[in-house]
Amino acid sequence: MLKKLFQSFRSPLRRAQHPRSTPEVLGSNQHSLRRTGISRNAVIVVDRLQKAGYQAYLVGGCVRDLLLDLRPKDFDVATNATPEQVRAEFRNARVIGRRFKLAHVQFGREIIEVATFRANHPQGEEEEDNNQAARNESGRILRDNVYGSLEDDAQRRDFTINALYYDPTTERILDYAHGVHDIRNRLVRLIGIPEQRYQEDPVRMLRAARFAAKLGFEIEKHSAAPIRQLAPLLRDIPSARLFDEVLKLFLSGKAERTFELLVQYDLFAPLFPASAAALERDPEYTGRLIRQALINTDERIHQGKPVTPAFLFAALLWPALPARAALLQERGMPPIPAMQEAAHGLIMEQVQRTAIPKRFSIPIREIWDMQERLPRRQGKRADMLLENPRFRAGYDFLLLRESAGEETDGLGEWWTDYQDASDSQRRAMIRELSSKDEQPSGQRRKRGGSRRRRGPRSEGAPGGASGD
């Protein structure tokens, strides 16, 4: 009882028991970072916190990316001020999060994320059972609000390349984990014991793959060794968090390389179990379709064009769908209802792994539904399909399927020609379809392959993540 009483008086900023780390300090003449290349708002946050008597640094990915001459997508600040103290300094700040509490300081559309220095979790069960820290039975961290010192914070960060602290006032970099060395050697290396760090947060395995793909790095061998064995731990991660992680994985402009790493380290199956099973059954077709979709997505991102997760998820899940629909048709269900029923079941299963919001799951089903409707062109159906708001995405998806080797009897070329044809030409194309249907199957004339296929008129490249 006395022990618990004394624990209740401890400061939340107490330090975990491990040896202090002395950083390597790089002066302004030893690195390429300059204050002028940093968000003005991030510098304002650091300056004001320092003037208020707190320690404050730019930290993590922004420092790493600037050293690699990349443009950071955001700027994070680490400080010994608590989230409530940060809020007291900035009228435009708010405290967010329960599992990992921090402050957001908002400047118009830009948000500077300010995190308090964290420490490693206490090892004793009694000490950990409080509002600051909690783990589950497998060691996964459920709550991470054990505050500490700058040295503590560096040691508990995930990768060495993210344990870099930059002071824009003095233009010095503090390197606690040889992160600059690993950047120069293009390595993604975990800080600490890999098995333990992955068990604390299995999403670190996905982050390792994402950073390796994004930066063109290799995962350091000791950091890579336990990933395949521990990959099933991802099944315990909340599906909403995994959905966000999937977006980061595949919408960073390096989706194809990311997919290769996910497959290499057995990380794809915990995210997309049905698609992983399809990849194992038919690696050539499934791999080709998914890779082409990801290549097109990367191209659109590099060109500054919009992408939608709906098209991306439609492509990732599609290889698992036709076999399910065919099974329902064998049981007597008509093609379109069979496709709809199979699609519903597949999406419901996937939502258990990655919580796809309805604003994306509904367009996914509409894109798939289009694949059954596009071959049905007789009469006025073709014109009605052209007016459908999902036609462009469905058409792009058809071209993606064809690029992966699916036989569609020239359907993609027909729709390409039909979109640019005059009204009289369209009527002739419909009559030609009717005459073909009236011929015995052995006498039907196949469409020649001499015409050059035009690209889709939609914003997306063929098979790309269309903006619809």
Protein backbone atom coordinates (compact mmCIF):
# COMPACT_ATOMS: atom_id res chain seq x y z
CA MET A 1 0.00 0.00 0.00
CA LEU A 2 2.81 2.42 0.91
CA LYS A 3 4.58 1.56 -2.35
CA LYS A 4 1.52 2.52 -4.36
CA LEU A 5 1.15 5.71 -2.32
CA PHE A 6 4.71 6.76 -3.06
CA GLN A 7 4.21 5.93 -6.75
CA SER A 8 1.22 8.25 -6.87
CA PHE A 9 3.48 11.17 -5.84
CA ARG A 10 6.01 10.53 -8.56
CA SER A 11 6.35 13.15 -11.26
CA PRO A 12 5.00 12.11 -14.68
CA LEU A 13 8.35 13.26 -16.05
CA ARG A 14 10.29 10.58 -14.17
CA ARG A 15 13.02 8.92 -16.15
CA ALA A 16 13.16 5.24 -17.05
CA GLN A 17 16.12 3.34 -15.67
CA HIS A 18 18.63 2.94 -18.45
CA PRO A 19 22.06 4.40 -19.14
CA ARG A 20 22.13 7.99 -20.32
CA SER A 21 23.06 8.36 -23.98
CA THR A 22 25.43 11.13 -25.05
CA PRO A 23 24.60 12.45 -28.51
CA GLU A 24 26.93 13.17 -31.36
CA VAL A 25 26.58 16.89 -32.01
CA LEU A 26 26.83 18.09 -35.60
CA GLY A 27 27.43 21.79 -36.07
CA SER A 28 26.11 23.83 -38.97
CA ASN A 29 29.30 23.19 -40.94
CA GLN A 30 28.82 19.41 -40.64
CA HIS A 31 25.39 19.07 -42.23
CA SER A 32 23.26 20.56 -44.99
CA LEU A 33 20.21 21.67 -42.96
CA ARG A 34 19.44 25.35 -42.87
CA ARG A 35 16.74 27.29 -41.03
CA THR A 36 15.58 28.79 -44.33
CA GLY A 37 14.50 25.35 -45.58
CA ILE A 38 12.17 24.73 -42.66
CA SER A 39 8.54 25.66 -42.16
CA ARG A 40 8.35 29.15 -40.67
CA ASN A 41 5.57 28.00 -38.36
CA ALA A 42 7.66 25.11 -37.02
CA VAL A 43 10.48 27.54 -36.24
CA ILE A 44 7.98 29.82 -34.44
CA VAL A 45 6.85 26.92 -32.24
CA VAL A 46 10.42 25.93 -31.33
CA ASP A 47 11.47 29.54 -30.65
CA ARG A 48 8.50 30.31 -28.42
CA LEU A 49 8.88 27.12 -26.38
CA GLN A 50 12.60 27.78 -25.90
CA LYS A 51 11.93 31.37 -24.83
CA ALA A 52 9.40 30.03 -22.31
CA GLY A 53 12.19 27.98 -20.74
CA TYR A 54 11.51 24.59 -22.35
CA GLN A 55 13.70 22.38 -24.47
CA ALA A 56 12.37 22.11 -28.02
CA TYR A 57 13.68 20.59 -31.25
CA LEU A 58 12.52 19.64 -34.69
CA VAL A 59 12.59 15.87 -34.72
CA GLY A 60 12.16 12.73 -36.74
CA GLY A 61 11.13 12.49 -40.37
CA CYS A 62 11.51 16.16 -41.21
CA VAL A 63 15.16 16.15 -40.10
CA ARG A 64 15.79 12.86 -41.92
CA ASP A 65 14.20 14.06 -45.16
CA LEU A 66 16.03 17.39 -45.13
CA LEU A 67 19.33 15.53 -44.78
CA LEU A 68 18.33 13.49 -47.84
CA ASP A 69 17.40 16.66 -49.75
CA LEU A 70 13.74 15.63 -49.73
CA ARG A 71 10.80 17.90 -48.98
CA PRO A 72 9.19 16.93 -45.65
CA LYS A 73 5.43 16.51 -45.76
CA ASP A 74 5.17 17.89 -42.22
CA PHE A 75 7.28 19.20 -39.34
CA ASP A 76 7.18 17.69 -35.85
CA VAL A 77 8.50 19.19 -32.63
CA ALA A 78 9.67 17.36 -29.50
CA THR A 79 9.82 19.16 -26.15
CA ASN A 80 9.94 18.61 -22.40
CA ALA A 81 6.76 20.70 -22.07
CA THR A 82 3.67 18.62 -21.40
CA PRO A 83 0.75 18.84 -23.87
CA GLU A 84 -1.12 21.03 -21.39
CA GLN A 85 1.89 23.36 -21.05
CA VAL A 86 2.13 23.61 -24.84
CA ARG A 87 -1.55 24.53 -24.99
CA ALA A 88 -0.96 27.22 -22.39
CA GLU A 89 1.71 28.80 -24.63
CA PHE A 90 -0.35 28.79 -27.85
CA ARG A 91 -3.93 29.96 -28.20
CA ASN A 92 -4.09 28.01 -31.48
CA ALA A 93 -3.14 24.67 -29.83
CA ARG A 94 -5.29 21.76 -28.76
CA VAL A 95 -4.47 18.52 -26.96
CA ILE A 96 -5.38 15.31 -28.78
CA GLY A 97 -5.01 11.56 -28.29
CA ARG A 98 -5.41 9.08 -25.47
CA ARG A 99 -3.00 6.29 -26.40
CA PHE A 100 -0.37 8.90 -27.25
CA LYS A 101 -1.29 12.36 -25.98
CA LEU A 102 0.22 15.35 -27.80
CA ALA A 103 -0.54 18.90 -28.91
CA HIS A 104 -1.46 20.25 -32.33
CA VAL A 105 -0.57 23.88 -33.00
CA GLN A 106 -2.55 25.10 -36.01
CA PHE A 107 -1.44 27.85 -38.39
CA GLY A 108 -4.13 28.12 -41.05
CA ARG A 109 -3.97 24.82 -42.96
CA GLU A 110 -0.64 23.77 -41.47
CA ILE A 111 -0.52 21.79 -38.23
CA ILE A 112 2.69 21.52 -36.21
CA GLU A 113 2.59 18.40 -34.07
CA VAL A 114 4.25 18.85 -30.68
CA ALA A 115 5.05 15.73 -28.64
CA THR A 116 6.40 15.61 -25.10
CA PHE A 117 9.63 13.64 -24.59
CA ARG A 118 8.70 10.03 -23.84
CA ALA A 119 10.52 7.45 -21.71
CA ASN A 120 10.58 3.67 -21.86
CA HIS A 121 7.80 1.95 -19.95
CA PRO A 122 8.39 0.70 -16.39
CA GLN A 123 9.05 -3.02 -16.27
CA GLY A 124 7.02 -3.91 -13.18
CA GLU A 125 3.35 -4.76 -13.71
CA GLU A 126 2.26 -2.67 -10.72
CA GLU A 127 4.08 0.39 -11.98
CA GLU A 128 2.68 0.05 -15.46
CA ASP A 129 -0.96 -0.29 -14.47
CA ASN A 130 -1.78 3.40 -14.46
CA ASN A 131 -3.00 6.21 -16.68
CA GLN A 132 0.40 6.82 -18.26
CA ALA A 133 1.28 3.35 -19.56
CA ALA A 134 -0.39 0.05 -20.41
CA ARG A 135 0.45 -3.08 -22.40
CA ASN A 136 -1.52 -6.13 -23.43
CA GLU A 137 -0.44 -9.74 -22.88
CA SER A 138 1.66 -9.86 -26.05
CA GLY A 139 3.61 -6.76 -25.01
CA ARG A 140 1.83 -4.32 -27.35
CA ILE A 141 1.70 -0.81 -25.93
CA LEU A 142 -1.88 0.31 -25.37
CA ARG A 143 -1.11 3.64 -23.72
CA ASP A 144 2.14 5.57 -24.10
CA ASN A 145 2.21 8.66 -21.93
CA VAL A 146 5.28 8.02 -19.78
CA TYR A 147 7.16 11.30 -20.06
CA GLY A 148 10.93 11.57 -19.76
CA SER A 149 14.05 13.45 -20.78
CA LEU A 150 15.53 14.18 -24.19
CA GLU A 151 17.88 11.21 -23.78
CA ASP A 152 14.94 8.96 -22.87
CA ASP A 153 13.00 10.16 -25.87
CA ALA A 154 15.83 9.35 -28.28
CA GLN A 155 16.20 5.81 -26.95
CA ARG A 156 12.50 4.97 -27.22
CA ARG A 157 12.07 6.16 -30.81
CA ASP A 158 11.59 3.41 -33.34
CA PHE A 159 14.36 3.84 -35.95
CA THR A 160 17.79 5.42 -35.76
CA ILE A 161 17.04 7.63 -38.76
CA ASN A 162 14.12 9.13 -36.79
CA ALA A 163 16.11 9.81 -33.61
CA LEU A 164 17.61 13.06 -34.89
CA TYR A 165 16.93 16.40 -33.17
CA TYR A 166 17.56 19.73 -34.86
CA ASP A 167 17.74 23.07 -33.09
CA PRO A 168 16.99 25.83 -35.64
CA THR A 169 18.35 28.43 -33.24
CA THR A 170 21.87 27.00 -33.04
CA GLU A 171 21.55 24.97 -36.29
CA ARG A 172 22.91 21.90 -34.48
CA ILE A 173 21.81 18.29 -34.93
CA LEU A 174 21.79 15.97 -31.92
CA ASP A 175 22.27 12.35 -33.03
CA TYR A 176 21.65 9.84 -30.22
CA ALA A 177 21.53 6.59 -32.22
CA HIS A 178 23.98 6.95 -35.13
CA GLY A 179 21.09 7.95 -37.36
CA VAL A 180 23.27 10.11 -39.62
CA HIS A 181 25.54 7.10 -40.15
CA ASP A 182 22.55 4.94 -41.17
CA ILE A 183 21.25 7.66 -43.50
CA ARG A 184 24.62 7.75 -45.23
CA ASN A 185 24.59 3.94 -45.49
CA ARG A 186 20.91 3.89 -46.52
CA LEU A 187 19.77 1.57 -43.73
CA VAL A 188 16.51 1.31 -41.77
CA ARG A 189 17.60 0.11 -38.32
CA LEU A 190 15.49 -0.34 -35.19
CA ILE A 191 16.64 1.11 -31.89
CA GLY A 192 16.78 -1.57 -29.21
CA ILE A 193 15.93 -5.27 -29.43
CA PRO A 194 13.91 -5.83 -32.64
CA GLU A 195 11.63 -8.55 -31.25
CA GLN A 196 10.69 -6.42 -28.25
CA ARG A 197 10.17 -3.26 -30.29
CA TYR A 198 7.90 -5.05 -32.78
CA GLN A 199 5.92 -6.64 -29.97
CA GLU A 200 5.46 -3.19 -28.37
CA ASP A 201 3.96 -1.93 -31.64
CA PRO A 202 3.64 -4.37 -34.58
CA VAL A 203 2.94 -1.46 -36.93
CA ARG A 204 6.68 -0.77 -36.75
CA MET A 205 7.10 -3.67 -39.18
CA LEU A 206 4.94 -1.81 -41.70
CA ARG A 207 6.84 1.40 -41.02
CA ALA A 208 10.14 -0.37 -41.69
CA ALA A 209 8.86 -1.49 -45.08
CA ARG A 210 7.42 1.94 -45.85
CA PHE A 211 10.60 3.81 -45.02
CA ALA A 212 12.73 1.33 -46.97
CA ALA A 213 10.51 1.78 -50.03
CA LYS A 214 10.11 5.54 -49.71
CA LEU A 215 13.79 6.29 -49.17
CA GLY A 216 15.30 3.52 -51.31
CA PHE A 217 16.94 2.05 -48.19
CA GLU A 218 17.47 -1.54 -47.05
CA ILE A 219 16.10 -2.90 -43.78
CA GLU A 220 19.14 -3.69 -41.62
CA LYS A 221 19.51 -7.49 -41.27
CA HIS A 222 18.94 -7.72 -37.50
CA SER A 223 15.90 -5.45 -37.80
CA ALA A 224 14.54 -7.55 -40.67
CA ALA A 225 15.19 -11.00 -39.13
CA PRO A 226 12.10 -11.34 -36.85
CA ILE A 227 9.55 -9.71 -39.16
CA ARG A 228 8.19 -12.85 -40.86
CA GLN A 229 7.74 -14.62 -37.54
CA LEU A 230 6.03 -11.64 -35.89
CA ALA A 231 3.92 -10.52 -38.87
CA PRO A 232 0.78 -12.26 -37.48
CA LEU A 233 0.82 -9.74 -34.58
CA LEU A 234 -0.68 -7.23 -37.02
CA ARG A 235 -3.99 -9.08 -36.67
CA ASP A 236 -4.30 -7.60 -33.18
CA ILE A 237 -4.00 -4.00 -34.40
CA PRO A 238 -7.29 -2.07 -34.61
CA SER A 239 -8.66 -2.12 -38.16
CA ALA A 240 -9.06 1.68 -38.27
CA ARG A 241 -5.36 2.15 -37.58
CA LEU A 242 -4.43 -0.42 -40.23
CA PHE A 243 -6.58 1.39 -42.80
CA ASP A 244 -4.60 4.57 -42.15
CA GLU A 245 -1.34 2.63 -42.40
CA VAL A 246 -2.38 1.08 -45.73
CA LEU A 247 -3.01 4.56 -47.14
CA LYS A 248 0.49 5.60 -46.04
CA LEU A 249 1.97 2.46 -47.58
CA PHE A 250 0.35 2.79 -50.98
CA LEU A 251 -0.14 6.54 -51.44
CA SER A 252 3.45 7.64 -50.84
CA GLY A 253 4.54 7.40 -54.49
CA LYS A 254 6.44 4.13 -53.89
CA ALA A 255 3.52 1.72 -53.84
CA GLU A 256 5.00 -0.93 -56.15
CA ARG A 257 8.23 -1.24 -54.15
CA THR A 258 6.22 -1.23 -50.92
CA PHE A 259 4.11 -4.14 -52.18
CA GLU A 260 7.24 -6.14 -53.02
CA LEU A 261 8.57 -5.64 -49.48
CA LEU A 262 5.23 -6.52 -47.89
CA VAL A 263 5.16 -9.79 -49.82
CA GLN A 264 8.84 -10.47 -49.12
CA TYR A 265 8.35 -10.15 -45.36
CA ASP A 266 4.92 -11.86 -45.16
CA LEU A 267 3.25 -8.59 -44.19
CA PHE A 268 0.74 -8.54 -47.05
CA ALA A 269 -1.39 -11.45 -45.78
CA PRO A 270 -2.28 -9.89 -42.40
CA LEU A 271 -3.50 -6.79 -44.27
CA PHE A 272 -5.24 -8.48 -47.23
CA PRO A 273 -5.83 -12.15 -46.40
CA ALA A 274 -8.14 -12.92 -49.35
CA SER A 275 -5.83 -11.18 -51.83
CA ALA A 276 -2.78 -12.97 -50.39
CA ALA A 277 -4.58 -16.29 -50.92
CA ALA A 278 -5.33 -15.30 -54.53
CA LEU A 279 -1.69 -14.32 -55.00
CA GLU A 280 -0.62 -17.75 -53.81
CA ARG A 281 -3.13 -19.54 -56.09
CA ASP A 282 -2.32 -17.52 -59.21
CA PRO A 283 0.83 -15.46 -58.62
CA GLU A 284 1.26 -14.45 -62.26
CA TYR A 285 -2.16 -12.88 -62.87
CA THR A 286 -2.73 -11.53 -59.35
CA GLY A 287 0.77 -10.11 -59.09
CA ARG A 288 0.54 -8.50 -62.53
CA LEU A 289 -2.82 -6.84 -61.83
CA ILE A 290 -1.84 -5.50 -58.41
CA ARG A 291 1.57 -4.30 -59.58
CA GLN A 292 0.10 -2.52 -62.60
CA ALA A 293 -2.46 -0.77 -60.41
CA LEU A 294 0.29 0.34 -58.04
CA ILE A 295 2.55 1.48 -60.89
CA ASN A 296 -0.27 3.61 -62.27
CA THR A 297 -0.98 4.99 -58.81
CA ASP A 298 2.68 5.96 -58.39
CA GLU A 299 2.64 7.69 -61.78
CA ARG A 300 -0.43 9.73 -60.89
CA ILE A 301 1.10 10.82 -57.59
CA HIS A 302 4.34 11.84 -59.29
CA GLN A 303 2.33 13.82 -61.85
CA GLY A 304 0.42 15.60 -59.08
CA LYS A 305 -2.90 14.01 -60.11
CA PRO A 306 -5.57 12.98 -57.59
CA VAL A 307 -5.95 9.38 -56.51
CA THR A 308 -8.73 7.66 -54.63
CA PRO A 309 -8.37 4.81 -52.17
CA ALA A 310 -11.56 3.29 -53.62
CA PHE A 311 -9.89 2.40 -56.92
CA LEU A 312 -6.77 1.19 -55.14
CA PHE A 313 -8.71 -1.12 -52.81
CA ALA A 314 -10.82 -2.33 -55.74
CA ALA A 315 -7.64 -3.43 -57.50
CA LEU A 316 -6.04 -4.97 -54.43
CA LEU A 317 -9.14 -7.06 -53.67
CA TRP A 318 -10.32 -7.89 -57.19
CA PRO A 319 -8.24 -11.08 -57.70
CA ALA A 320 -10.17 -12.72 -54.85
CA LEU A 321 -13.58 -11.77 -56.25
CA PRO A 322 -14.26 -13.66 -59.55
CA ALA A 323 -13.83 -17.12 -58.01
CA ARG A 324 -16.36 -16.27 -55.30
CA ALA A 325 -18.84 -14.92 -57.83
CA ALA A 326 -18.35 -17.99 -60.06
CA LEU A 327 -19.10 -20.29 -57.12
CA LEU A 328 -22.38 -18.47 -56.49
CA GLN A 329 -23.28 -18.72 -60.20
CA GLU A 330 -22.67 -22.47 -60.07
CA ARG A 331 -25.30 -22.57 -57.33
CA GLY A 332 -27.81 -20.95 -59.68
CA MET A 333 -27.45 -17.23 -58.92
CA PRO A 334 -27.52 -14.87 -61.97
CA PRO A 335 -24.20 -13.12 -62.83
CA ILE A 336 -24.90 -9.61 -61.51
CA PRO A 337 -26.49 -10.70 -58.20
CA ALA A 338 -23.66 -13.24 -57.81
CA MET A 339 -21.09 -10.50 -58.26
CA GLN A 340 -22.93 -8.23 -55.81
CA GLU A 341 -23.20 -10.95 -53.17
CA ALA A 342 -19.54 -11.95 -53.54
CA ALA A 343 -18.48 -8.30 -53.40
CA HIS A 344 -20.47 -7.70 -50.23
CA GLY A 345 -18.92 -10.72 -48.50
CA LEU A 346 -15.38 -9.85 -49.57
CA ILE A 347 -15.63 -6.24 -48.41
CA MET A 348 -17.16 -7.27 -45.08
CA GLU A 349 -14.22 -9.61 -44.52
CA GLN A 350 -11.70 -6.93 -45.51
CA VAL A 351 -13.28 -4.34 -43.21
CA GLN A 352 -12.37 -6.62 -40.31
CA ARG A 353 -8.71 -6.12 -41.23
CA THR A 354 -8.71 -2.55 -42.57
CA ALA A 355 -11.72 -0.44 -41.65
CA ILE A 356 -12.63 0.85 -45.12
CA PRO A 357 -15.11 3.73 -44.67
CA LYS A 358 -18.39 3.62 -46.59
CA ARG A 359 -17.32 6.59 -48.67
CA PHE A 360 -14.80 4.20 -50.25
CA SER A 361 -16.49 0.79 -49.91
CA ILE A 362 -19.55 1.92 -51.88
CA PRO A 363 -17.48 3.14 -54.89
CA ILE A 364 -15.46 -0.10 -54.74
CA ARG A 365 -18.64 -2.11 -55.23
CA GLU A 366 -19.81 0.22 -57.99
CA ILE A 367 -16.50 -0.20 -59.87
CA TRP A 368 -16.81 -3.98 -59.59
CA ASP A 369 -20.48 -3.89 -60.58
CA MET A 370 -19.45 -2.01 -63.73
CA GLN A 371 -17.33 -4.98 -64.80
CA GLU A 372 -20.51 -7.04 -65.18
CA ARG A 373 -22.41 -4.22 -66.88
CA LEU A 374 -19.81 -3.07 -69.43
CA PRO A 375 -20.18 -6.17 -71.64
CA ARG A 376 -23.97 -5.54 -71.84
CA ARG A 377 -24.06 -2.88 -74.57
CA GLN A 378 -27.10 -3.70 -76.73
CA GLY A 379 -29.90 -1.23 -77.33
CA LYS A 380 -29.65 1.87 -75.16
CA ARG A 381 -27.51 0.24 -72.50
CA ALA A 382 -24.21 1.60 -73.84
CA ASP A 383 -25.41 5.22 -73.74
CA MET A 384 -26.88 4.72 -70.27
CA LEU A 385 -23.56 3.32 -69.06
CA LEU A 386 -21.69 6.32 -70.48
CA GLU A 387 -23.86 8.59 -68.33
CA ASN A 388 -23.20 6.56 -65.19
CA PRO A 389 -20.97 8.58 -62.79
CA ARG A 390 -18.85 5.46 -62.20
CA PHE A 391 -18.30 4.75 -65.90
CA ARG A 392 -14.83 6.33 -66.02
CA ALA A 393 -13.56 4.40 -63.02
CA GLY A 394 -15.17 1.20 -64.30
CA TYR A 395 -13.64 1.72 -67.75
CA ASP A 396 -10.20 2.36 -66.28
CA PHE A 397 -10.59 -0.78 -64.21
CA LEU A 398 -11.51 -2.79 -67.30
CA LEU A 399 -8.28 -1.64 -68.99
CA LEU A 400 -6.37 -2.62 -65.86
CA ARG A 401 -7.83 -6.14 -66.01
CA GLU A 402 -6.88 -6.42 -69.67
CA SER A 403 -3.33 -5.24 -68.97
CA ALA A 404 -3.05 -8.08 -66.44
CA GLY A 405 -3.94 -10.62 -69.13
CA GLU A 406 -7.70 -11.06 -68.73
CA GLU A 407 -9.49 -12.00 -71.98
CA THR A 408 -12.43 -9.67 -72.62
CA ASP A 409 -12.94 -10.17 -76.39
CA GLY A 410 -11.76 -6.63 -77.16
CA LEU A 411 -14.18 -4.99 -74.74
CA GLY A 412 -11.76 -2.26 -73.67
CA GLU A 413 -10.99 -1.30 -77.27
CA TRP A 414 -14.71 -1.23 -78.09
CA TRP A 415 -15.45 1.19 -75.26
CA THR A 416 -12.44 3.32 -76.20
CA ASP A 417 -13.79 3.68 -79.74
CA TYR A 418 -17.38 4.17 -78.59
CA GLN A 419 -16.52 7.16 -76.41
CA ASP A 420 -15.05 9.11 -79.32
CA ALA A 421 -17.51 7.95 -81.99
CA SER A 422 -20.26 10.11 -83.50
CA ASP A 423 -23.88 9.26 -82.87
CA SER A 424 -24.25 7.50 -86.22
CA GLN A 425 -21.03 5.55 -85.65
CA ARG A 426 -22.29 4.47 -82.24
CA ARG A 427 -25.53 3.17 -83.73
CA ALA A 428 -23.52 1.19 -86.27
CA MET A 429 -21.35 -0.29 -83.50
CA ILE A 430 -24.48 -1.40 -81.61
CA ARG A 431 -25.95 -2.96 -84.81
CA GLU A 432 -22.68 -4.82 -85.34
CA LEU A 433 -22.96 -6.26 -81.84
CA SER A 434 -26.51 -7.42 -82.58
CA SER A 435 -25.46 -9.09 -85.84
CA LYS A 436 -22.61 -10.85 -84.05
CA ASP A 437 -25.02 -12.16 -81.43
CA GLU A 438 -27.25 -13.59 -84.17
CA GLN A 439 -24.35 -15.52 -85.80
CA PRO A 440 -23.49 -19.06 -84.67
CA SER A 441 -20.66 -18.89 -82.17
CA GLY A 442 -18.20 -20.56 -84.52
CA GLN A 443 -18.85 -17.98 -87.28
CA ARG A 444 -18.53 -14.82 -85.21
CA ARG A 445 -15.88 -12.50 -86.51
CA LYS A 446 -13.29 -11.53 -83.96
CA ARG A 447 -12.29 -7.89 -83.73
CA GLY A 448 -8.92 -7.21 -85.20
CA GLY A 449 -6.05 -5.98 -83.08
CA SER A 450 -4.72 -3.48 -85.60
CA ARG A 451 -6.40 -0.43 -84.11
CA ARG A 452 -4.33 1.50 -81.66
CA ARG A 453 -6.06 1.76 -78.31
CA ARG A 454 -6.55 5.26 -77.04
CA GLY A 455 -6.11 6.10 -73.40
CA PRO A 456 -9.17 6.76 -71.28
CA ARG A 457 -10.57 10.25 -71.27
CA SER A 458 -10.85 10.20 -67.50
CA GLU A 459 -8.25 11.81 -65.30
CA GLY A 460 -6.67 8.45 -64.49
CA ALA A 461 -4.16 6.59 -66.60
CA PRO A 462 -5.36 3.14 -67.76
CA GLY A 463 -5.88 1.15 -64.62
CA GLY A 464 -4.72 4.07 -62.49
CA ALA A 465 -6.30 5.25 -59.28
CA SER A 466 -8.94 7.30 -61.04
CA GLY A 467 -10.09 10.47 -59.35
CA ASP A 468 -13.74 9.44 -59.61
